[in-house]
């Protein structure tokens, strides 16, 4: 009778120990899964914040580039205006000097003045071209920065979505670990009960 009681006690202890071990193991797995889910959520938030900052910075750079393009155009217009005024003065001065000298504006004097006017127009066109080229470069940079902003937002959203999916998977793993732990605990108790019944 003493041996039977000892066997019963041992069987019950084994069943309870197995059940407790299964529950503790499940709790540990669930805690790990929850910690992983929290980490994934933090990474998702970090990805969104980083992407927002990168996009904001890129948009600011685009604004600066847009302003620089506008300034390049204004600067070219001012240079052109100043150059055209100087060219008019030069032609007026040449006309006045020829007139004071009694020279008619035909032949060589006319050729000299035509060459001066042509050179002035060439220089004006060159000023316009350089201004347009500089503005175009700034506009391209602005467009590049806007593309960077869009790409940063898309990458941030994608990374955040992937991390949130991972968080959801980890939460499911944690919930599954809890259920599995209770099933294993029940199985241990049933195994112990079966052994107990078989000893009688």
N, C-alpha and C. Protein backbone atom coordinates (compact mmCIF):
# COMPACT_ATOMS: atom_id res chain seq x y z
N UNK A 1 0.83 -1.19 0.00
CA UNK A 1 0.00 0.00 0.00
C UNK A 1 0.87 1.24 0.00
N UNK A 2 2.01 1.21 0.69
CA UNK A 2 2.92 2.35 0.75
C UNK A 2 3.55 2.62 -0.60
N UNK A 3 3.85 1.51 -1.30
CA UNK A 3 4.45 1.68 -2.64
C UNK A 3 3.44 2.30 -3.59
N UNK A 4 2.22 1.90 -3.49
CA UNK A 4 1.18 2.42 -4.37
C UNK A 4 0.98 3.91 -4.12
N UNK A 5 0.96 4.30 -2.86
CA UNK A 5 0.80 5.71 -2.52
C UNK A 5 1.98 6.52 -3.05
N UNK A 6 3.15 5.96 -2.94
CA UNK A 6 4.35 6.64 -3.45
C UNK A 6 4.26 6.77 -4.97
N UNK A 7 3.78 5.72 -5.63
CA UNK A 7 3.65 5.75 -7.09
C UNK A 7 2.62 6.79 -7.51
N UNK A 8 1.52 6.82 -6.74
CA UNK A 8 0.46 7.80 -7.04
C UNK A 8 1.01 9.21 -6.87
N UNK A 9 1.69 9.42 -5.77
CA UNK A 9 2.26 10.75 -5.49
C UNK A 9 3.25 11.14 -6.57
N UNK A 10 4.09 10.19 -6.98
CA UNK A 10 5.09 10.45 -8.02
C UNK A 10 4.40 10.76 -9.35
N UNK A 11 3.39 10.03 -9.69
CA UNK A 11 2.66 10.22 -10.95
C UNK A 11 1.98 11.59 -10.96
N UNK A 12 1.33 11.92 -9.84
CA UNK A 12 0.66 13.23 -9.73
C UNK A 12 1.70 14.35 -9.81
N UNK A 13 2.81 14.18 -9.12
CA UNK A 13 3.87 15.20 -9.13
C UNK A 13 4.43 15.39 -10.53
N UNK A 14 4.62 14.28 -11.25
CA UNK A 14 5.14 14.38 -12.62
C UNK A 14 4.14 15.11 -13.52
N UNK A 15 2.88 14.77 -13.37
CA UNK A 15 1.84 15.43 -14.20
C UNK A 15 1.76 16.92 -13.91
N UNK A 16 1.77 17.26 -12.61
CA UNK A 16 1.70 18.68 -12.23
C UNK A 16 2.96 19.40 -12.67
N UNK A 17 4.12 18.79 -12.48
CA UNK A 17 5.38 19.42 -12.88
C UNK A 17 5.41 19.65 -14.38
N UNK A 18 4.95 18.66 -15.14
CA UNK A 18 4.89 18.81 -16.60
C UNK A 18 3.96 19.94 -17.00
N UNK A 19 2.80 20.03 -16.31
CA UNK A 19 1.82 21.08 -16.62
C UNK A 19 2.39 22.45 -16.28
N UNK A 20 3.00 22.57 -15.11
CA UNK A 20 3.59 23.85 -14.69
C UNK A 20 4.72 24.24 -15.65
N UNK A 21 5.55 23.26 -16.02
CA UNK A 21 6.65 23.54 -16.95
C UNK A 21 6.14 24.02 -18.30
N UNK A 22 5.07 23.39 -18.80
CA UNK A 22 4.49 23.79 -20.08
C UNK A 22 3.95 25.21 -20.02
N UNK A 23 3.27 25.54 -18.91
CA UNK A 23 2.71 26.89 -18.76
C UNK A 23 3.82 27.92 -18.65
N UNK A 24 4.87 27.62 -17.90
CA UNK A 24 5.98 28.55 -17.76
C UNK A 24 6.70 28.75 -19.10
N UNK A 25 6.89 27.65 -19.82
CA UNK A 25 7.53 27.73 -21.13
C UNK A 25 6.69 28.60 -22.08
N UNK A 26 5.38 28.40 -22.04
CA UNK A 26 4.47 29.17 -22.89
C UNK A 26 4.52 30.65 -22.52
N UNK A 27 4.55 30.95 -21.22
CA UNK A 27 4.63 32.34 -20.77
C UNK A 27 5.93 32.99 -21.26
N UNK A 28 7.02 32.24 -21.16
CA UNK A 28 8.31 32.78 -21.61
C UNK A 28 8.28 33.04 -23.12
N UNK A 29 7.73 32.11 -23.88
CA UNK A 29 7.62 32.29 -25.34
C UNK A 29 6.73 33.49 -25.66
N UNK A 30 5.66 33.62 -24.91
CA UNK A 30 4.75 34.74 -25.15
C UNK A 30 5.43 36.07 -24.84
N UNK A 31 6.18 36.11 -23.75
CA UNK A 31 6.90 37.35 -23.40
C UNK A 31 7.91 37.73 -24.48
N UNK A 32 8.62 36.72 -24.99
CA UNK A 32 9.59 36.97 -26.06
C UNK A 32 8.86 37.50 -27.30
N UNK A 33 7.74 36.87 -27.64
CA UNK A 33 6.98 37.29 -28.81
C UNK A 33 6.45 38.71 -28.64
N UNK A 34 5.96 39.04 -27.45
CA UNK A 34 5.46 40.39 -27.18
C UNK A 34 6.59 41.42 -27.24
N UNK A 35 7.76 41.05 -26.72
CA UNK A 35 8.92 41.95 -26.78
C UNK A 35 9.33 42.17 -28.24
N UNK A 36 9.31 41.10 -29.03
CA UNK A 36 9.64 41.24 -30.46
C UNK A 36 8.61 42.11 -31.17
N UNK A 37 7.34 41.94 -30.80
CA UNK A 37 6.28 42.76 -31.41
C UNK A 37 6.48 44.23 -31.05
N UNK A 38 6.80 44.51 -29.80
CA UNK A 38 7.03 45.90 -29.37
C UNK A 38 8.24 46.49 -30.10
N UNK A 39 9.28 45.69 -30.26
CA UNK A 39 10.47 46.17 -30.98
C UNK A 39 10.13 46.47 -32.43
N UNK A 40 9.33 45.60 -33.05
CA UNK A 40 8.94 45.82 -34.45
C UNK A 40 8.08 47.08 -34.58
N UNK A 41 7.19 47.32 -33.63
CA UNK A 41 6.39 48.55 -33.63
C UNK A 41 7.28 49.78 -33.49
N UNK A 42 8.27 49.70 -32.62
CA UNK A 42 9.22 50.82 -32.45
C UNK A 42 9.99 51.07 -33.73
N UNK A 43 10.41 49.99 -34.39
CA UNK A 43 11.14 50.14 -35.65
C UNK A 43 10.24 50.75 -36.72
N UNK A 44 8.97 50.39 -36.71
CA UNK A 44 8.03 50.97 -37.68
C UNK A 44 7.90 52.47 -37.45
N UNK A 45 7.74 52.86 -36.18
CA UNK A 45 7.62 54.28 -35.86
C UNK A 45 8.90 55.03 -36.22
N UNK A 46 10.03 54.40 -35.94
CA UNK A 46 11.33 55.02 -36.27
C UNK A 46 11.46 55.21 -37.79
N UNK A 47 11.05 54.20 -38.56
CA UNK A 47 11.13 54.29 -40.02
C UNK A 47 10.26 55.43 -40.53
N UNK A 48 9.07 55.59 -39.98
CA UNK A 48 8.18 56.67 -40.40
C UNK A 48 8.76 58.04 -40.04
N UNK A 49 9.30 58.16 -38.82
CA UNK A 49 9.88 59.44 -38.40
C UNK A 49 11.10 59.80 -39.24
N UNK A 50 11.95 58.81 -39.47
CA UNK A 50 13.15 59.05 -40.27
C UNK A 50 12.77 59.46 -41.68
N UNK A 51 11.80 58.76 -42.26
CA UNK A 51 11.35 59.07 -43.62
C UNK A 51 10.75 60.47 -43.68
N UNK A 52 9.97 60.83 -42.67
CA UNK A 52 9.35 62.16 -42.64
C UNK A 52 10.43 63.25 -42.58
N UNK A 53 11.46 63.03 -41.76
CA UNK A 53 12.54 64.01 -41.66
C UNK A 53 13.32 64.11 -42.96
N UNK A 54 13.61 62.96 -43.57
CA UNK A 54 14.33 62.98 -44.85
C UNK A 54 13.52 63.69 -45.92
N UNK A 55 12.22 63.40 -45.96
CA UNK A 55 11.35 64.04 -46.95
C UNK A 55 11.27 65.54 -46.70
N UNK A 56 11.15 65.93 -45.43
CA UNK A 56 11.07 67.35 -45.08
C UNK A 56 12.36 68.07 -45.50
N UNK A 57 13.49 67.44 -45.22
CA UNK A 57 14.77 68.04 -45.60
C UNK A 57 14.90 68.17 -47.11
N UNK A 58 14.49 67.12 -47.83
CA UNK A 58 14.57 67.14 -49.29
C UNK A 58 13.66 68.23 -49.86
N UNK A 59 12.48 68.40 -49.28
CA UNK A 59 11.57 69.44 -49.77
C UNK A 59 12.13 70.84 -49.48
N UNK A 60 12.79 71.00 -48.35
CA UNK A 60 13.44 72.30 -48.07
C UNK A 60 14.53 72.58 -49.09
N UNK A 61 15.32 71.54 -49.40
CA UNK A 61 16.38 71.70 -50.40
C UNK A 61 15.76 72.05 -51.76
N UNK A 62 14.61 71.45 -52.07
CA UNK A 62 13.93 71.75 -53.33
C UNK A 62 13.47 73.21 -53.35
N UNK A 63 12.95 73.69 -52.22
CA UNK A 63 12.53 75.09 -52.14
C UNK A 63 13.71 76.03 -52.34
N UNK A 64 14.84 75.68 -51.73
CA UNK A 64 16.05 76.50 -51.88
C UNK A 64 16.49 76.50 -53.34
N UNK A 65 16.45 75.34 -53.97
CA UNK A 65 16.84 75.25 -55.38
C UNK A 65 15.88 76.05 -56.25
N UNK A 66 14.57 75.99 -55.95
CA UNK A 66 13.59 76.79 -56.70
C UNK A 66 13.88 78.29 -56.56
N UNK A 67 14.19 78.71 -55.33
CA UNK A 67 14.51 80.12 -55.10
C UNK A 67 15.79 80.51 -55.85
N UNK A 68 16.76 79.60 -55.86
CA UNK A 68 18.01 79.87 -56.56
C UNK A 68 17.78 79.99 -58.06
N UNK A 69 16.88 79.17 -58.60
CA UNK A 69 16.54 79.26 -60.02
C UNK A 69 15.90 80.61 -60.34
N UNK A 70 14.97 81.03 -59.47
CA UNK A 70 14.31 82.32 -59.68
C UNK A 70 15.33 83.46 -59.58
N UNK A 71 16.25 83.35 -58.61
CA UNK A 71 17.29 84.38 -58.47
C UNK A 71 18.21 84.42 -59.68
N UNK A 72 18.53 83.24 -60.23
CA UNK A 72 19.39 83.18 -61.42
C UNK A 72 18.73 83.91 -62.58
N UNK A 73 17.42 83.72 -62.74
CA UNK A 73 16.69 84.40 -63.82
C UNK A 73 16.67 85.92 -63.59
N UNK A 74 16.42 86.32 -62.34
CA UNK A 74 16.40 87.76 -62.03
C UNK A 74 17.78 88.38 -62.24
N UNK A 75 18.80 87.66 -61.78
CA UNK A 75 20.17 88.15 -61.94
C UNK A 75 20.52 88.31 -63.41
N UNK A 76 20.12 87.35 -64.24
CA UNK A 76 20.38 87.43 -65.68
C UNK A 76 19.63 88.62 -66.28
N UNK A 77 18.39 88.84 -65.85
CA UNK A 77 17.61 89.97 -66.37
C UNK A 77 18.26 91.30 -66.00
N UNK A 78 18.77 91.39 -64.77
CA UNK A 78 19.45 92.63 -64.33
C UNK A 78 20.73 92.84 -65.13
N UNK A 79 21.50 91.75 -65.30
CA UNK A 79 22.74 91.87 -66.09
C UNK A 79 22.43 92.27 -67.54
N UNK A 80 21.38 91.68 -68.10
CA UNK A 80 21.01 92.00 -69.48
C UNK A 80 20.60 93.46 -69.59
N UNK A 81 19.80 93.91 -68.64
CA UNK A 81 19.35 95.32 -68.66
C UNK A 81 20.54 96.27 -68.56
N UNK A 82 21.43 95.95 -67.65
CA UNK A 82 22.63 96.79 -67.46
C UNK A 82 23.49 96.77 -68.73
N UNK A 83 23.68 95.61 -69.29
CA UNK A 83 24.50 95.47 -70.50
C UNK A 83 23.86 96.24 -71.67
N UNK A 84 22.53 96.09 -71.83
CA UNK A 84 21.84 96.77 -72.93
C UNK A 84 21.96 98.29 -72.78
N UNK A 85 21.87 98.77 -71.55
CA UNK A 85 22.02 100.22 -71.30
C UNK A 85 23.42 100.68 -71.68
N UNK A 86 24.42 99.91 -71.30
CA UNK A 86 25.81 100.26 -71.64
C UNK A 86 26.01 100.24 -73.15
N UNK A 87 25.40 99.28 -73.85
CA UNK A 87 25.51 99.19 -75.31
C UNK A 87 24.85 100.40 -75.97
N UNK A 88 23.68 100.82 -75.46
CA UNK A 88 23.01 102.01 -76.01
C UNK A 88 23.88 103.25 -75.83
N UNK A 89 24.49 103.35 -74.64
CA UNK A 89 25.37 104.51 -74.39
C UNK A 89 26.57 104.51 -75.35
N UNK A 90 27.14 103.32 -75.56
CA UNK A 90 28.29 103.22 -76.46
C UNK A 90 27.91 103.65 -77.88
N UNK A 91 26.77 103.13 -78.36
CA UNK A 91 26.32 103.51 -79.71
C UNK A 91 26.00 105.00 -79.79
N UNK A 92 25.39 105.51 -78.73
CA UNK A 92 25.08 106.96 -78.71
C UNK A 92 26.36 107.77 -78.70
N UNK A 93 27.34 107.31 -77.94
CA UNK A 93 28.63 108.01 -77.87
C UNK A 93 29.33 107.98 -79.23
N UNK A 94 29.29 106.79 -79.88
CA UNK A 94 29.92 106.69 -81.20
C UNK A 94 29.23 107.62 -82.20
N UNK A 95 27.89 107.63 -82.16
CA UNK A 95 27.14 108.50 -83.07
C UNK A 95 27.49 109.96 -82.82
N UNK A 96 27.59 110.34 -81.56
CA UNK A 96 27.90 111.73 -81.21
C UNK A 96 29.30 112.10 -81.67
N UNK A 97 30.26 111.20 -81.47
CA UNK A 97 31.64 111.50 -81.88
C UNK A 97 31.76 111.63 -83.41
N UNK A 98 31.08 110.70 -84.09
CA UNK A 98 31.13 110.80 -85.56
C UNK A 98 30.47 112.10 -86.03
N UNK A 99 29.34 112.44 -85.39
CA UNK A 99 28.64 113.68 -85.77
C UNK A 99 29.49 114.89 -85.47
N UNK A 100 30.18 114.91 -84.32
CA UNK A 100 31.03 116.05 -83.95
C UNK A 100 32.22 116.18 -84.90
N UNK A 101 32.63 115.06 -85.42
CA UNK A 101 33.78 115.08 -86.34
C UNK A 101 33.33 115.35 -87.77
N UNK A 102 32.03 115.46 -87.99
CA UNK A 102 31.52 115.73 -89.32
C UNK A 102 31.53 114.51 -90.21
N UNK A 103 31.59 113.33 -89.62
CA UNK A 103 31.63 112.09 -90.40
C UNK A 103 30.20 111.62 -90.62
N UNK A 104 29.88 111.24 -91.84
CA UNK A 104 28.54 110.70 -92.12
C UNK A 104 28.52 109.21 -91.72
N UNK A 105 27.34 108.76 -91.39
CA UNK A 105 27.20 107.37 -90.93
C UNK A 105 26.99 106.43 -92.11
N UNK A 106 27.99 106.39 -92.94
CA UNK A 106 28.00 105.46 -94.07
C UNK A 106 29.38 104.83 -94.13
N UNK A 107 29.49 103.75 -94.86
CA UNK A 107 30.78 103.10 -95.05
C UNK A 107 31.34 102.56 -93.75
N UNK A 108 32.64 102.89 -93.50
CA UNK A 108 33.35 102.35 -92.34
C UNK A 108 32.70 102.73 -91.01
N UNK A 109 32.34 103.98 -90.79
CA UNK A 109 31.69 104.31 -89.51
C UNK A 109 30.43 103.48 -89.27
N UNK A 110 29.65 103.28 -90.34
CA UNK A 110 28.42 102.48 -90.18
C UNK A 110 28.77 101.03 -89.87
N UNK A 111 29.82 100.52 -90.51
CA UNK A 111 30.26 99.16 -90.24
C UNK A 111 30.73 98.99 -88.79
N UNK A 112 31.46 100.01 -88.31
CA UNK A 112 31.94 99.97 -86.91
C UNK A 112 30.76 99.96 -85.95
N UNK A 113 29.79 100.81 -86.21
CA UNK A 113 28.62 100.87 -85.32
C UNK A 113 27.79 99.59 -85.42
N UNK A 114 27.66 99.03 -86.62
CA UNK A 114 26.92 97.78 -86.80
C UNK A 114 27.60 96.64 -86.06
N UNK A 115 28.96 96.62 -86.17
CA UNK A 115 29.72 95.58 -85.46
C UNK A 115 29.54 95.72 -83.95
N UNK A 116 29.53 96.95 -83.47
CA UNK A 116 29.33 97.19 -82.03
C UNK A 116 27.94 96.74 -81.60
N UNK A 117 26.94 97.06 -82.41
CA UNK A 117 25.56 96.66 -82.09
C UNK A 117 25.42 95.14 -82.12
N UNK A 118 26.04 94.50 -83.10
CA UNK A 118 25.98 93.04 -83.21
C UNK A 118 26.66 92.37 -82.02
N UNK A 119 27.81 92.90 -81.64
CA UNK A 119 28.53 92.35 -80.48
C UNK A 119 27.71 92.54 -79.20
N UNK A 120 27.07 93.69 -79.08
CA UNK A 120 26.24 93.95 -77.90
C UNK A 120 25.07 92.96 -77.85
N UNK A 121 24.46 92.70 -79.01
CA UNK A 121 23.34 91.75 -79.04
C UNK A 121 23.81 90.34 -78.72
N UNK A 122 24.97 89.96 -79.23
CA UNK A 122 25.55 88.65 -78.93
C UNK A 122 25.78 88.50 -77.42
N UNK A 123 26.37 89.55 -76.82
CA UNK A 123 26.62 89.52 -75.37
C UNK A 123 25.30 89.42 -74.59
N UNK A 124 24.27 90.11 -75.05
CA UNK A 124 22.96 90.05 -74.39
C UNK A 124 22.40 88.63 -74.45
N UNK A 125 22.50 88.01 -75.62
CA UNK A 125 22.01 86.64 -75.77
C UNK A 125 22.80 85.67 -74.90
N UNK A 126 24.11 85.91 -74.79
CA UNK A 126 24.95 85.06 -73.94
C UNK A 126 24.54 85.20 -72.48
N UNK A 127 24.25 86.41 -72.04
CA UNK A 127 23.78 86.63 -70.66
C UNK A 127 22.47 85.87 -70.43
N UNK A 128 21.55 85.96 -71.39
CA UNK A 128 20.27 85.23 -71.27
C UNK A 128 20.51 83.72 -71.19
N UNK A 129 21.40 83.23 -72.07
CA UNK A 129 21.68 81.79 -72.10
C UNK A 129 22.27 81.32 -70.78
N UNK A 130 23.25 82.05 -70.26
CA UNK A 130 23.88 81.65 -68.99
C UNK A 130 22.88 81.67 -67.84
N UNK A 131 22.00 82.69 -67.84
CA UNK A 131 20.97 82.76 -66.81
C UNK A 131 20.00 81.60 -66.91
N UNK A 132 19.57 81.28 -68.12
CA UNK A 132 18.64 80.16 -68.33
C UNK A 132 19.29 78.83 -67.94
N UNK A 133 20.58 78.70 -68.30
CA UNK A 133 21.29 77.46 -67.97
C UNK A 133 21.41 77.28 -66.46
N UNK A 134 21.77 78.35 -65.76
CA UNK A 134 21.88 78.27 -64.30
C UNK A 134 20.52 77.96 -63.67
N UNK A 135 19.48 78.63 -64.16
CA UNK A 135 18.13 78.38 -63.64
C UNK A 135 17.71 76.93 -63.91
N UNK A 136 18.02 76.44 -65.10
CA UNK A 136 17.68 75.06 -65.46
C UNK A 136 18.38 74.07 -64.53
N UNK A 137 19.65 74.33 -64.23
CA UNK A 137 20.39 73.46 -63.30
C UNK A 137 19.72 73.44 -61.92
N UNK A 138 19.35 74.62 -61.43
CA UNK A 138 18.69 74.70 -60.12
C UNK A 138 17.33 74.00 -60.17
N UNK A 139 16.59 74.17 -61.26
CA UNK A 139 15.27 73.52 -61.38
C UNK A 139 15.43 71.99 -61.39
N UNK A 140 16.46 71.50 -62.08
CA UNK A 140 16.71 70.05 -62.07
C UNK A 140 17.05 69.55 -60.67
N UNK A 141 17.85 70.33 -59.94
CA UNK A 141 18.16 69.95 -58.57
C UNK A 141 16.90 69.92 -57.72
N UNK A 142 16.04 70.92 -57.90
CA UNK A 142 14.79 70.97 -57.14
C UNK A 142 13.95 69.73 -57.43
N UNK A 143 13.87 69.35 -58.70
CA UNK A 143 13.09 68.17 -59.07
C UNK A 143 13.70 66.91 -58.46
N UNK A 144 15.03 66.85 -58.45
CA UNK A 144 15.72 65.71 -57.82
C UNK A 144 15.41 65.62 -56.34
N UNK A 145 15.40 66.76 -55.67
CA UNK A 145 15.08 66.77 -54.23
C UNK A 145 13.63 66.34 -54.00
N UNK A 146 12.72 66.79 -54.87
CA UNK A 146 11.33 66.37 -54.70
C UNK A 146 11.19 64.86 -54.89
N UNK A 147 11.94 64.32 -55.84
CA UNK A 147 11.92 62.86 -56.05
C UNK A 147 12.47 62.14 -54.83
N UNK A 148 13.53 62.71 -54.23
CA UNK A 148 14.09 62.11 -53.00
C UNK A 148 13.05 62.10 -51.89
N UNK A 149 12.30 63.19 -51.77
CA UNK A 149 11.27 63.28 -50.73
C UNK A 149 10.22 62.19 -50.92
N UNK A 150 9.77 62.04 -52.17
CA UNK A 150 8.75 61.03 -52.47
C UNK A 150 9.29 59.62 -52.19
N UNK A 151 10.54 59.39 -52.61
CA UNK A 151 11.15 58.07 -52.39
C UNK A 151 11.32 57.79 -50.90
N UNK A 152 11.72 58.80 -50.13
CA UNK A 152 11.90 58.62 -48.68
C UNK A 152 10.57 58.25 -48.02
N UNK A 153 9.51 58.95 -48.43
CA UNK A 153 8.19 58.65 -47.85
C UNK A 153 7.74 57.23 -48.22
N UNK A 154 7.97 56.85 -49.48
CA UNK A 154 7.55 55.51 -49.91
C UNK A 154 8.35 54.43 -49.18
N UNK A 155 9.66 54.64 -49.04
CA UNK A 155 10.51 53.68 -48.33
C UNK A 155 10.11 53.59 -46.87
N UNK A 156 9.87 54.73 -46.25
CA UNK A 156 9.46 54.75 -44.84
C UNK A 156 8.14 54.03 -44.63
N UNK A 157 7.18 54.27 -45.53
CA UNK A 157 5.88 53.62 -45.41
C UNK A 157 6.01 52.11 -45.60
N UNK A 158 6.83 51.72 -46.56
CA UNK A 158 7.03 50.29 -46.83
C UNK A 158 7.71 49.59 -45.65
N UNK A 159 8.76 50.22 -45.13
CA UNK A 159 9.49 49.65 -43.99
C UNK A 159 8.58 49.57 -42.76
N UNK A 160 7.81 50.63 -42.53
CA UNK A 160 6.91 50.65 -41.38
C UNK A 160 5.86 49.54 -41.52
N UNK A 161 5.31 49.38 -42.73
CA UNK A 161 4.30 48.34 -42.95
C UNK A 161 4.90 46.95 -42.70
N UNK A 162 6.12 46.74 -43.18
CA UNK A 162 6.77 45.44 -42.98
C UNK A 162 7.00 45.18 -41.49
N UNK A 163 7.43 46.21 -40.76
CA UNK A 163 7.66 46.06 -39.31
C UNK A 163 6.35 45.83 -38.56
N UNK A 164 5.29 46.50 -38.99
CA UNK A 164 3.99 46.29 -38.33
C UNK A 164 3.47 44.88 -38.61
N UNK A 165 3.73 44.39 -39.81
CA UNK A 165 3.33 43.00 -40.12
C UNK A 165 4.09 42.03 -39.22
N UNK A 166 5.39 42.33 -39.03
CA UNK A 166 6.21 41.48 -38.16
C UNK A 166 5.69 41.54 -36.72
N UNK A 167 5.27 42.73 -36.29
CA UNK A 167 4.72 42.86 -34.94
C UNK A 167 3.45 42.02 -34.80
N UNK A 168 2.59 42.06 -35.83
CA UNK A 168 1.35 41.28 -35.79
C UNK A 168 1.65 39.78 -35.75
N UNK A 169 2.64 39.36 -36.54
CA UNK A 169 3.04 37.94 -36.54
C UNK A 169 3.55 37.54 -35.16
N UNK A 170 4.36 38.39 -34.54
CA UNK A 170 4.88 38.08 -33.20
C UNK A 170 3.77 38.01 -32.17
N UNK A 171 2.78 38.90 -32.29
CA UNK A 171 1.66 38.82 -31.35
C UNK A 171 0.89 37.51 -31.53
N UNK A 172 0.71 37.11 -32.79
CA UNK A 172 0.06 35.82 -33.04
C UNK A 172 0.86 34.66 -32.47
N UNK A 173 2.19 34.73 -32.64
CA UNK A 173 3.05 33.68 -32.07
C UNK A 173 2.89 33.63 -30.55
N UNK A 174 2.83 34.81 -29.93
CA UNK A 174 2.66 34.86 -28.48
C UNK A 174 1.34 34.25 -28.04
N UNK A 175 0.27 34.60 -28.77
CA UNK A 175 -1.04 34.04 -28.43
C UNK A 175 -1.05 32.53 -28.65
N UNK A 176 -0.44 32.10 -29.75
CA UNK A 176 -0.37 30.66 -30.04
C UNK A 176 0.45 29.93 -28.98
N UNK A 177 1.54 30.56 -28.54
CA UNK A 177 2.37 29.94 -27.50
C UNK A 177 1.56 29.74 -26.22
N UNK A 178 0.73 30.75 -25.89
CA UNK A 178 -0.11 30.63 -24.70
C UNK A 178 -1.09 29.47 -24.82
N UNK A 179 -1.75 29.36 -25.97
CA UNK A 179 -2.71 28.26 -26.17
C UNK A 179 -1.99 26.91 -26.16
N UNK A 180 -0.87 26.86 -26.84
CA UNK A 180 -0.11 25.60 -26.90
C UNK A 180 0.35 25.19 -25.50
N UNK A 181 0.76 26.17 -24.69
CA UNK A 181 1.20 25.87 -23.33
C UNK A 181 0.09 25.24 -22.51
N UNK A 182 -1.13 25.78 -22.64
CA UNK A 182 -2.24 25.22 -21.88
C UNK A 182 -2.63 23.83 -22.40
N UNK A 183 -2.53 23.64 -23.71
CA UNK A 183 -2.81 22.31 -24.27
C UNK A 183 -1.80 21.30 -23.75
N UNK A 184 -0.51 21.70 -23.74
CA UNK A 184 0.54 20.79 -23.23
C UNK A 184 0.34 20.52 -21.74
N UNK A 185 -0.06 21.58 -21.01
CA UNK A 185 -0.30 21.39 -19.58
C UNK A 185 -1.45 20.39 -19.37
N UNK A 186 -2.52 20.56 -20.15
CA UNK A 186 -3.64 19.62 -20.05
C UNK A 186 -3.22 18.21 -20.42
N UNK A 187 -2.38 18.11 -21.45
CA UNK A 187 -1.90 16.79 -21.87
C UNK A 187 -1.07 16.15 -20.76
N UNK A 188 -0.23 16.93 -20.10
CA UNK A 188 0.58 16.39 -19.00
C UNK A 188 -0.31 15.90 -17.86
N UNK A 189 -1.33 16.67 -17.55
CA UNK A 189 -2.25 16.25 -16.48
C UNK A 189 -3.02 15.00 -16.89
N UNK A 190 -3.43 14.95 -18.14
CA UNK A 190 -4.15 13.76 -18.61
C UNK A 190 -3.24 12.52 -18.62
N UNK A 191 -1.99 12.73 -19.04
CA UNK A 191 -1.04 11.62 -19.03
C UNK A 191 -0.85 11.11 -17.61
N UNK A 192 -0.70 12.06 -16.68
CA UNK A 192 -0.54 11.68 -15.27
C UNK A 192 -1.77 10.95 -14.77
N UNK A 193 -2.96 11.44 -15.15
CA UNK A 193 -4.20 10.79 -14.70
C UNK A 193 -4.32 9.38 -15.30
N UNK A 194 -3.92 9.25 -16.56
CA UNK A 194 -3.96 7.93 -17.21
C UNK A 194 -3.03 6.95 -16.52
N UNK A 195 -1.83 7.42 -16.21
CA UNK A 195 -0.88 6.56 -15.49
C UNK A 195 -1.44 6.17 -14.14
N UNK A 196 -2.06 7.14 -13.49
CA UNK A 196 -2.64 6.91 -12.18
C UNK A 196 -3.73 5.84 -12.25
N UNK A 197 -4.55 5.96 -13.26
CA UNK A 197 -5.62 4.96 -13.42
C UNK A 197 -5.06 3.59 -13.74
N UNK A 198 -3.95 3.56 -14.50
CA UNK A 198 -3.34 2.28 -14.86
C UNK A 198 -2.64 1.62 -13.68
N UNK A 199 -2.28 2.38 -12.67
CA UNK A 199 -1.59 1.79 -11.51
C UNK A 199 -2.60 1.14 -10.55
N UNK A 200 -3.85 1.45 -10.74
CA UNK A 200 -4.84 0.91 -9.78
C UNK A 200 -5.41 -0.39 -10.21
